[in-house]
Amino acid sequence: MAVIEVLMPAAGSSYGEMAVEGVEAYRAAFAAQGLTLAPRRWDAPAGGDAKAALAMFAWGYHADPAGWAAPPPAGRRRCRCSTRPR
């Protein structure tokens, strides 16, 4: 099965439990399509065997607008999303 990392809230976030429940709700549907969901904190290093990454949801953006507008942590770059193949 192909692995998809699901970006989750950072450790200690008040959104953590809700995110885990959300991933579990989708696990069977993805597995039926041959995909394995692998939760990963958004601030943790990327895994080696994942084919893609999805954000579980956008959490806390309204509580910290400056944090969302700030550059990503050192060593990470912003994703450039596109619907067109590269």
C-alpha atoms as a PDB file:
ATOM      1  CA  MET A   1       0.000   0.000   0.000  1.00  0.00           C
ATOM      2  CA  ALA A   2       1.150   3.536  -0.726  1.00  0.00           C
ATOM      3  CA  VAL A   3       1.697   5.663   2.374  1.00  0.00           C
ATOM      4  CA  ILE A   4       0.175   9.124   2.762  1.00  0.00           C
ATOM      5  CA  GLU A   5       1.328  11.256   5.676  1.00  0.00           C
ATOM      6  CA  VAL A   6      -1.470  13.166   7.363  1.00  0.00           C
ATOM      7  CA  LEU A   7      -0.157  16.380   8.899  1.00  0.00           C
ATOM      8  CA  MET A   8      -1.430  16.705  12.453  1.00  0.00           C
ATOM      9  CA  PRO A   9      -1.315  19.434  15.112  1.00  0.00           C
ATOM     10  CA  ALA A  10       1.949  19.888  17.021  1.00  0.00           C
ATOM     11  CA  ALA A  11       2.399  18.042  20.325  1.00  0.00           C
ATOM     12  CA  GLY A  12       0.398  19.609  23.134  1.00  0.00           C
ATOM     13  CA  SER A  13      -2.126  21.241  20.803  1.00  0.00           C
ATOM     14  CA  SER A  14      -5.714  21.378  21.977  1.00  0.00           C
ATOM     15  CA  TYR A  15      -6.655  20.078  18.514  1.00  0.00           C
ATOM     16  CA  GLY A  16      -4.647  16.860  18.838  1.00  0.00           C
ATOM     17  CA  GLU A  17      -7.369  14.504  20.040  1.00  0.00           C
ATOM     18  CA  MET A  18      -9.852  15.763  17.454  1.00  0.00           C
ATOM     19  CA  ALA A  19      -7.289  15.211  14.696  1.00  0.00           C
ATOM     20  CA  VAL A  20      -6.617  11.607  15.756  1.00  0.00           C
ATOM     21  CA  GLU A  21     -10.341  10.869  15.693  1.00  0.00           C
ATOM     22  CA  GLY A  22     -10.568  12.466  12.251  1.00  0.00           C
ATOM     23  CA  VAL A  23      -7.797  10.298  10.805  1.00  0.00           C
ATOM     24  CA  GLU A  24      -9.387   7.161  12.206  1.00  0.00           C
ATOM     25  CA  ALA A  25     -12.686   8.084  10.547  1.00  0.00           C
ATOM     26  CA  TYR A  26     -10.986   8.063   7.121  1.00  0.00           C
ATOM     27  CA  ARG A  27      -8.562   5.156   7.562  1.00  0.00           C
ATOM     28  CA  ALA A  28     -10.865   2.427   6.178  1.00  0.00           C
ATOM     29  CA  ALA A  29     -11.918   4.470   3.132  1.00  0.00           C
ATOM     30  CA  PHE A  30      -8.282   5.122   2.180  1.00  0.00           C
ATOM     31  CA  ALA A  31      -7.318   1.492   2.829  1.00  0.00           C
ATOM     32  CA  ALA A  32     -10.056   0.350   0.443  1.00  0.00           C
ATOM     33  CA  GLN A  33      -8.201   2.314  -2.252  1.00  0.00           C
ATOM     34  CA  GLY A  34      -4.832   0.786  -1.346  1.00  0.00           C
ATOM     35  CA  LEU A  35      -3.609   3.752   0.707  1.00  0.00           C
ATOM     36  CA  THR A  36      -2.235   3.781   4.244  1.00  0.00           C
ATOM     37  CA  LEU A  37      -2.610   6.903   6.362  1.00  0.00           C
ATOM     38  CA  ALA A  38       0.401   7.745   8.545  1.00  0.00           C
ATOM     39  CA  PRO A  39      -0.252  10.609  10.989  1.00  0.00           C
ATOM     40  CA  ARG A  40       2.705  12.991  11.480  1.00  0.00           C
ATOM     41  CA  ARG A  41       2.940  16.190  13.506  1.00  0.00           C
ATOM     42  CA  TRP A  42       3.230  19.085  11.075  1.00  0.00           C
ATOM     43  CA  ASP A  43       6.453  20.223  12.758  1.00  0.00           C
ATOM     44  CA  ALA A  44       8.140  16.786  12.650  1.00  0.00           C
ATOM     45  CA  PRO A  45      10.556  15.694   9.903  1.00  0.00           C
ATOM     46  CA  ALA A  46       8.957  14.036   6.880  1.00  0.00           C
ATOM     47  CA  GLY A  47       8.953  10.254   6.729  1.00  0.00           C
ATOM     48  CA  GLY A  48      10.965   8.343   4.181  1.00  0.00           C
ATOM     49  CA  ASP A  49       8.368   6.178   2.460  1.00  0.00           C
ATOM     50  CA  ALA A  50       5.388   8.529   2.115  1.00  0.00           C
ATOM     51  CA  LYS A  51       4.199   9.233  -1.422  1.00  0.00           C
ATOM     52  CA  ALA A  52       2.185  12.326  -0.445  1.00  0.00           C
ATOM     53  CA  ALA A  53       1.150  14.487   2.498  1.00  0.00           C
ATOM     54  CA  LEU A  54      -2.275  15.836   3.382  1.00  0.00           C
ATOM     55  CA  ALA A  55      -3.251  18.321   6.073  1.00  0.00           C
ATOM     56  CA  MET A  56      -5.919  16.908   8.372  1.00  0.00           C
ATOM     57  CA  PHE A  57      -7.314  20.425   8.765  1.00  0.00           C
ATOM     58  CA  ALA A  58      -6.114  23.968   9.304  1.00  0.00           C
ATOM     59  CA  TRP A  59      -6.055  24.417  13.059  1.00  0.00           C
ATOM     60  CA  GLY A  60      -5.595  27.566  15.032  1.00  0.00           C
ATOM     61  CA  TYR A  61      -5.079  29.921  12.108  1.00  0.00           C
ATOM     62  CA  HIS A  62      -7.617  32.347  13.539  1.00  0.00           C
ATOM     63  CA  ALA A  63      -5.831  32.421  16.906  1.00  0.00           C
ATOM     64  CA  ASP A  64      -2.358  33.173  15.506  1.00  0.00           C
ATOM     65  CA  PRO A  65      -2.521  35.022  12.170  1.00  0.00           C
ATOM     66  CA  ALA A  66       1.098  36.199  12.484  1.00  0.00           C
ATOM     67  CA  GLY A  67       2.278  32.618  12.992  1.00  0.00           C
ATOM     68  CA  TRP A  68       0.564  31.507   9.804  1.00  0.00           C
ATOM     69  CA  ALA A  69       2.072  34.380   7.849  1.00  0.00           C
ATOM     70  CA  ALA A  70       5.576  33.784   9.241  1.00  0.00           C
ATOM     71  CA  PRO A  71       8.202  31.838   7.290  1.00  0.00           C
ATOM     72  CA  PRO A  72       8.226  28.069   7.875  1.00  0.00           C
ATOM     73  CA  PRO A  73      10.627  26.598  10.477  1.00  0.00           C
ATOM     74  CA  ALA A  74      14.310  26.361   9.514  1.00  0.00           C
ATOM     75  CA  GLY A  75      14.977  23.630   6.977  1.00  0.00           C
ATOM     76  CA  ARG A  76      11.403  23.551   5.671  1.00  0.00           C
ATOM     77  CA  ARG A  77       9.893  25.295   2.713  1.00  0.00           C
ATOM     78  CA  ARG A  78       6.370  26.238   1.859  1.00  0.00           C
ATOM     79  CA  CYS A  79       4.469  23.895  -0.392  1.00  0.00           C
ATOM     80  CA  ARG A  80       3.518  25.198  -3.802  1.00  0.00           C
ATOM     81  CA  CYS A  81       0.234  23.468  -4.541  1.00  0.00           C
ATOM     82  CA  SER A  82      -1.020  23.074  -8.058  1.00  0.00           C
ATOM     83  CA  THR A  83      -3.719  21.108  -9.819  1.00  0.00           C
ATOM     84  CA  ARG A  84      -1.527  20.852 -12.922  1.00  0.00           C
ATOM     85  CA  PRO A  85       0.959  17.993 -13.326  1.00  0.00           C
ATOM     86  CA  ARG A  86       4.568  19.111 -13.283  1.00  0.00           C
END
